[in-house]
Amino acid sequence: MNRIQTACFCLIASAFVLCAILVVRVDQQSAPNAAHADQVIAMPAFTMMTARTRGGQDDGEESLFVLDNNAGVLVVYAPNVGRKQIEPIQGIRMADIFGK
């Protein structure tokens, strides 16, 4: 084997190593942002979804978002573990945000 063949084999091997590193890094970057369809319930009258929110008593808690499709109102509920219930945090009219 001469020097050119050795250099070619080294370049090919390094290309495979770099490709593997790229695949692993892209997978790590996309995993936390993945959406799960089992977290959404869609019906004709309403849509419900859970998502991680910031603020409140516990940073990074799960909250429930309920969108009334008929009235155009989004209500956010947060869990109150001490009282074993969920409490409405905020209600938003979609017409106020997006117009008519």
N, C-alpha and C. Protein backbone atom coordinates (compact mmCIF):
# COMPACT_ATOMS: atom_id res chain seq x y z
N MET A 1 0.85 -1.17 0.00
CA MET A 1 0.00 0.00 0.00
C MET A 1 0.90 1.25 0.00
N ASN A 2 0.60 2.17 -0.87
CA ASN A 2 1.42 3.37 -0.94
C ASN A 2 0.79 4.49 -0.10
N ARG A 3 1.41 5.63 -0.10
CA ARG A 3 0.96 6.76 0.74
C ARG A 3 -0.40 7.29 0.32
N ILE A 4 -0.70 7.30 -0.95
CA ILE A 4 -1.98 7.83 -1.43
C ILE A 4 -3.12 6.94 -0.94
N GLN A 5 -2.95 5.63 -1.04
CA GLN A 5 -3.99 4.72 -0.56
C GLN A 5 -4.19 4.84 0.95
N THR A 6 -3.10 4.96 1.69
CA THR A 6 -3.19 5.14 3.13
C THR A 6 -3.93 6.43 3.48
N ALA A 7 -3.63 7.49 2.76
CA ALA A 7 -4.29 8.78 3.00
C ALA A 7 -5.79 8.67 2.68
N CYS A 8 -6.13 7.97 1.60
CA CYS A 8 -7.54 7.80 1.24
C CYS A 8 -8.29 7.02 2.31
N PHE A 9 -7.70 5.93 2.80
CA PHE A 9 -8.34 5.14 3.85
C PHE A 9 -8.51 5.97 5.13
N CYS A 10 -7.54 6.79 5.46
CA CYS A 10 -7.64 7.64 6.65
C CYS A 10 -8.74 8.68 6.49
N LEU A 11 -8.85 9.26 5.30
CA LEU A 11 -9.91 10.24 5.05
C LEU A 11 -11.30 9.60 5.12
N ILE A 12 -11.43 8.41 4.57
CA ILE A 12 -12.72 7.72 4.61
C ILE A 12 -13.09 7.36 6.05
N ALA A 13 -12.12 6.87 6.81
CA ALA A 13 -12.38 6.52 8.21
C ALA A 13 -12.76 7.76 9.02
N SER A 14 -12.09 8.87 8.80
CA SER A 14 -12.42 10.09 9.54
C SER A 14 -13.79 10.62 9.12
N ALA A 15 -14.17 10.43 7.84
CA ALA A 15 -15.49 10.86 7.40
C ALA A 15 -16.58 10.05 8.12
N PHE A 16 -16.38 8.74 8.29
CA PHE A 16 -17.35 7.92 9.01
C PHE A 16 -17.44 8.34 10.48
N VAL A 17 -16.32 8.64 11.10
CA VAL A 17 -16.32 9.07 12.50
C VAL A 17 -17.06 10.40 12.64
N LEU A 18 -16.80 11.36 11.75
CA LEU A 18 -17.48 12.65 11.81
C LEU A 18 -18.98 12.50 11.54
N CYS A 19 -19.35 11.63 10.64
CA CYS A 19 -20.77 11.38 10.36
C CYS A 19 -21.47 10.79 11.59
N ALA A 20 -20.82 9.86 12.26
CA ALA A 20 -21.41 9.27 13.47
C ALA A 20 -21.58 10.31 14.57
N ILE A 21 -20.58 11.17 14.74
CA ILE A 21 -20.68 12.23 15.75
C ILE A 21 -21.82 13.18 15.41
N LEU A 22 -21.98 13.52 14.13
CA LEU A 22 -23.05 14.42 13.70
C LEU A 22 -24.42 13.80 13.96
N VAL A 23 -24.57 12.52 13.66
CA VAL A 23 -25.86 11.86 13.90
C VAL A 23 -26.20 11.85 15.38
N VAL A 24 -25.24 11.57 16.23
CA VAL A 24 -25.48 11.54 17.68
C VAL A 24 -25.85 12.93 18.18
N ARG A 25 -25.16 13.96 17.75
CA ARG A 25 -25.43 15.33 18.20
C ARG A 25 -26.80 15.82 17.73
N VAL A 26 -27.18 15.52 16.50
CA VAL A 26 -28.48 15.94 16.00
C VAL A 26 -29.58 15.22 16.77
N ASP A 27 -29.38 13.95 17.08
CA ASP A 27 -30.38 13.21 17.85
C ASP A 27 -30.54 13.79 19.25
N GLN A 28 -29.45 14.21 19.88
CA GLN A 28 -29.52 14.80 21.22
C GLN A 28 -30.19 16.16 21.19
N GLN A 29 -29.99 16.92 20.12
CA GLN A 29 -30.61 18.24 20.03
C GLN A 29 -32.10 18.15 19.77
N SER A 30 -32.55 17.17 19.00
CA SER A 30 -33.96 17.09 18.65
C SER A 30 -34.80 16.35 19.69
N ALA A 31 -34.22 15.54 20.53
CA ALA A 31 -34.99 14.74 21.49
C ALA A 31 -35.78 15.58 22.49
N PRO A 32 -35.22 16.63 23.12
CA PRO A 32 -36.03 17.39 24.08
C PRO A 32 -37.17 18.17 23.43
N ASN A 33 -37.06 18.46 22.14
CA ASN A 33 -38.08 19.25 21.46
C ASN A 33 -39.12 18.39 20.74
N ALA A 34 -39.06 17.09 20.95
CA ALA A 34 -39.98 16.20 20.25
C ALA A 34 -41.40 16.37 20.80
N ALA A 35 -42.37 16.40 19.91
CA ALA A 35 -43.77 16.49 20.31
C ALA A 35 -44.36 15.09 20.37
N HIS A 36 -45.19 14.86 21.34
CA HIS A 36 -45.82 13.57 21.51
C HIS A 36 -47.32 13.73 21.30
N ALA A 37 -47.86 13.03 20.33
CA ALA A 37 -49.27 13.17 20.00
C ALA A 37 -50.18 12.65 21.11
N ASP A 38 -49.67 11.81 22.01
CA ASP A 38 -50.52 11.30 23.07
C ASP A 38 -50.77 12.34 24.15
N GLN A 39 -50.15 13.49 24.07
CA GLN A 39 -50.38 14.56 25.04
C GLN A 39 -51.49 15.50 24.60
N VAL A 40 -52.10 15.27 23.45
CA VAL A 40 -53.14 16.15 22.91
C VAL A 40 -54.42 15.35 22.72
N ILE A 41 -55.52 15.94 23.18
CA ILE A 41 -56.85 15.37 22.94
C ILE A 41 -57.62 16.41 22.14
N ALA A 42 -58.03 16.05 20.95
CA ALA A 42 -58.74 16.98 20.08
C ALA A 42 -60.14 16.44 19.81
N MET A 43 -61.14 17.25 20.11
CA MET A 43 -62.54 16.94 19.85
C MET A 43 -63.11 18.12 19.06
N PRO A 44 -64.29 17.98 18.49
CA PRO A 44 -64.86 19.13 17.76
C PRO A 44 -65.10 20.36 18.65
N ALA A 45 -65.46 20.15 19.90
CA ALA A 45 -65.81 21.28 20.78
C ALA A 45 -64.62 21.82 21.56
N PHE A 46 -63.59 21.01 21.78
CA PHE A 46 -62.47 21.47 22.59
C PHE A 46 -61.19 20.73 22.22
N THR A 47 -60.06 21.32 22.62
CA THR A 47 -58.75 20.69 22.47
C THR A 47 -58.03 20.83 23.80
N MET A 48 -57.45 19.72 24.28
CA MET A 48 -56.73 19.73 25.55
C MET A 48 -55.31 19.26 25.31
N MET A 49 -54.36 19.90 26.01
CA MET A 49 -52.96 19.53 25.85
C MET A 49 -52.22 19.81 27.15
N THR A 50 -51.29 18.96 27.50
CA THR A 50 -50.42 19.23 28.64
C THR A 50 -49.07 19.67 28.13
N ALA A 51 -48.43 20.57 28.87
CA ALA A 51 -47.10 21.06 28.50
C ALA A 51 -46.39 21.56 29.74
N ARG A 52 -45.09 21.54 29.68
CA ARG A 52 -44.26 22.03 30.78
C ARG A 52 -44.26 23.56 30.74
N THR A 53 -44.50 24.19 31.90
CA THR A 53 -44.55 25.65 32.00
C THR A 53 -43.52 26.14 33.01
N ARG A 54 -43.22 27.41 32.91
CA ARG A 54 -42.30 28.04 33.86
C ARG A 54 -43.07 28.87 34.86
N GLY A 55 -42.42 29.16 35.98
CA GLY A 55 -43.03 30.02 36.99
C GLY A 55 -43.92 29.24 37.94
N GLY A 56 -44.65 29.97 38.74
CA GLY A 56 -45.52 29.33 39.72
C GLY A 56 -44.72 28.81 40.90
N GLN A 57 -45.31 27.86 41.60
CA GLN A 57 -44.66 27.32 42.79
C GLN A 57 -43.49 26.42 42.43
N ASP A 58 -43.67 25.61 41.41
CA ASP A 58 -42.65 24.63 41.03
C ASP A 58 -42.19 24.94 39.62
N ASP A 59 -40.94 25.31 39.46
CA ASP A 59 -40.42 25.65 38.14
C ASP A 59 -40.38 24.39 37.28
N GLY A 60 -40.99 24.45 36.11
CA GLY A 60 -41.01 23.31 35.22
C GLY A 60 -42.15 22.34 35.50
N GLU A 61 -43.28 22.83 36.00
CA GLU A 61 -44.41 21.95 36.28
C GLU A 61 -45.22 21.73 35.00
N GLU A 62 -46.00 20.67 35.01
CA GLU A 62 -46.89 20.38 33.89
C GLU A 62 -48.19 21.14 34.10
N SER A 63 -48.66 21.79 33.04
CA SER A 63 -49.93 22.50 33.09
C SER A 63 -50.86 21.95 32.02
N LEU A 64 -52.15 22.16 32.21
CA LEU A 64 -53.16 21.70 31.27
C LEU A 64 -53.71 22.91 30.53
N PHE A 65 -53.68 22.86 29.20
CA PHE A 65 -54.21 23.92 28.35
C PHE A 65 -55.49 23.39 27.72
N VAL A 66 -56.60 24.11 27.91
CA VAL A 66 -57.89 23.72 27.35
C VAL A 66 -58.36 24.84 26.43
N LEU A 67 -58.57 24.50 25.15
CA LEU A 67 -59.04 25.47 24.17
C LEU A 67 -60.48 25.12 23.83
N ASP A 68 -61.40 26.05 24.16
CA ASP A 68 -62.81 25.88 23.80
C ASP A 68 -62.95 26.35 22.36
N ASN A 69 -63.16 25.41 21.44
CA ASN A 69 -63.21 25.76 20.02
C ASN A 69 -64.45 26.56 19.65
N ASN A 70 -65.55 26.40 20.38
CA ASN A 70 -66.77 27.14 20.08
C ASN A 70 -66.68 28.58 20.55
N ALA A 71 -66.22 28.81 21.77
CA ALA A 71 -66.15 30.16 22.32
C ALA A 71 -64.83 30.85 22.00
N GLY A 72 -63.81 30.11 21.60
CA GLY A 72 -62.52 30.71 21.28
C GLY A 72 -61.78 31.18 22.51
N VAL A 73 -61.83 30.39 23.59
CA VAL A 73 -61.19 30.77 24.84
C VAL A 73 -60.17 29.70 25.22
N LEU A 74 -58.98 30.14 25.59
CA LEU A 74 -57.93 29.25 26.07
C LEU A 74 -57.80 29.43 27.57
N VAL A 75 -57.91 28.35 28.32
CA VAL A 75 -57.77 28.39 29.78
C VAL A 75 -56.60 27.50 30.17
N VAL A 76 -55.73 28.03 31.03
CA VAL A 76 -54.56 27.28 31.50
C VAL A 76 -54.81 26.88 32.96
N TYR A 77 -54.63 25.60 33.24
CA TYR A 77 -54.80 25.07 34.58
C TYR A 77 -53.45 24.57 35.10
N ALA A 78 -53.17 24.81 36.37
CA ALA A 78 -51.93 24.34 36.99
C ALA A 78 -52.29 23.44 38.18
N PRO A 79 -51.49 22.42 38.43
CA PRO A 79 -51.80 21.53 39.56
C PRO A 79 -51.47 22.17 40.90
N ASN A 80 -52.31 21.90 41.88
CA ASN A 80 -52.04 22.27 43.26
C ASN A 80 -51.95 20.96 44.02
N VAL A 81 -50.73 20.47 44.20
CA VAL A 81 -50.52 19.15 44.76
C VAL A 81 -50.98 19.07 46.22
N GLY A 82 -50.80 20.15 46.96
CA GLY A 82 -51.19 20.16 48.36
C GLY A 82 -52.69 19.96 48.55
N ARG A 83 -53.50 20.51 47.65
CA ARG A 83 -54.95 20.40 47.75
C ARG A 83 -55.51 19.28 46.86
N LYS A 84 -54.63 18.62 46.10
CA LYS A 84 -55.01 17.54 45.19
C LYS A 84 -56.07 17.99 44.19
N GLN A 85 -55.80 19.12 43.55
CA GLN A 85 -56.72 19.64 42.54
C GLN A 85 -55.95 20.48 41.53
N ILE A 86 -56.61 20.84 40.44
CA ILE A 86 -56.02 21.77 39.48
C ILE A 86 -56.80 23.07 39.55
N GLU A 87 -56.08 24.17 39.39
CA GLU A 87 -56.69 25.49 39.52
C GLU A 87 -56.50 26.27 38.23
N PRO A 88 -57.52 27.01 37.80
CA PRO A 88 -57.35 27.83 36.61
C PRO A 88 -56.37 28.98 36.90
N ILE A 89 -55.41 29.14 36.02
CA ILE A 89 -54.40 30.19 36.18
C ILE A 89 -54.75 31.41 35.34
N GLN A 90 -55.09 31.17 34.07
CA GLN A 90 -55.36 32.30 33.18
C GLN A 90 -56.31 31.86 32.07
N GLY A 91 -57.20 32.76 31.71
CA GLY A 91 -58.10 32.56 30.58
C GLY A 91 -57.84 33.64 29.54
N ILE A 92 -57.75 33.26 28.29
CA ILE A 92 -57.43 34.20 27.22
C ILE A 92 -58.44 34.02 26.09
N ARG A 93 -59.02 35.11 25.63
CA ARG A 93 -59.88 35.07 24.44
C ARG A 93 -58.99 35.14 23.21
N MET A 94 -59.15 34.20 22.32
CA MET A 94 -58.32 34.15 21.12
C MET A 94 -58.57 35.35 20.22
N ALA A 95 -59.80 35.89 20.23
CA ALA A 95 -60.11 37.05 19.40
C ALA A 95 -59.31 38.28 19.84
N ASP A 96 -59.00 38.37 21.15
CA ASP A 96 -58.19 39.49 21.62
C ASP A 96 -56.75 39.41 21.12
N ILE A 97 -56.27 38.21 20.93
CA ILE A 97 -54.89 38.04 20.49
C ILE A 97 -54.77 38.11 18.97
N PHE A 98 -55.63 37.37 18.26
CA PHE A 98 -55.50 37.23 16.82
C PHE A 98 -56.49 38.09 16.04
N GLY A 99 -57.38 38.79 16.70
CA GLY A 99 -58.38 39.59 15.99
C GLY A 99 -59.52 38.70 15.56
N LYS A 100 -60.43 39.27 14.80
CA LYS A 100 -61.62 38.49 14.39
C LYS A 100 -61.42 37.77 13.12
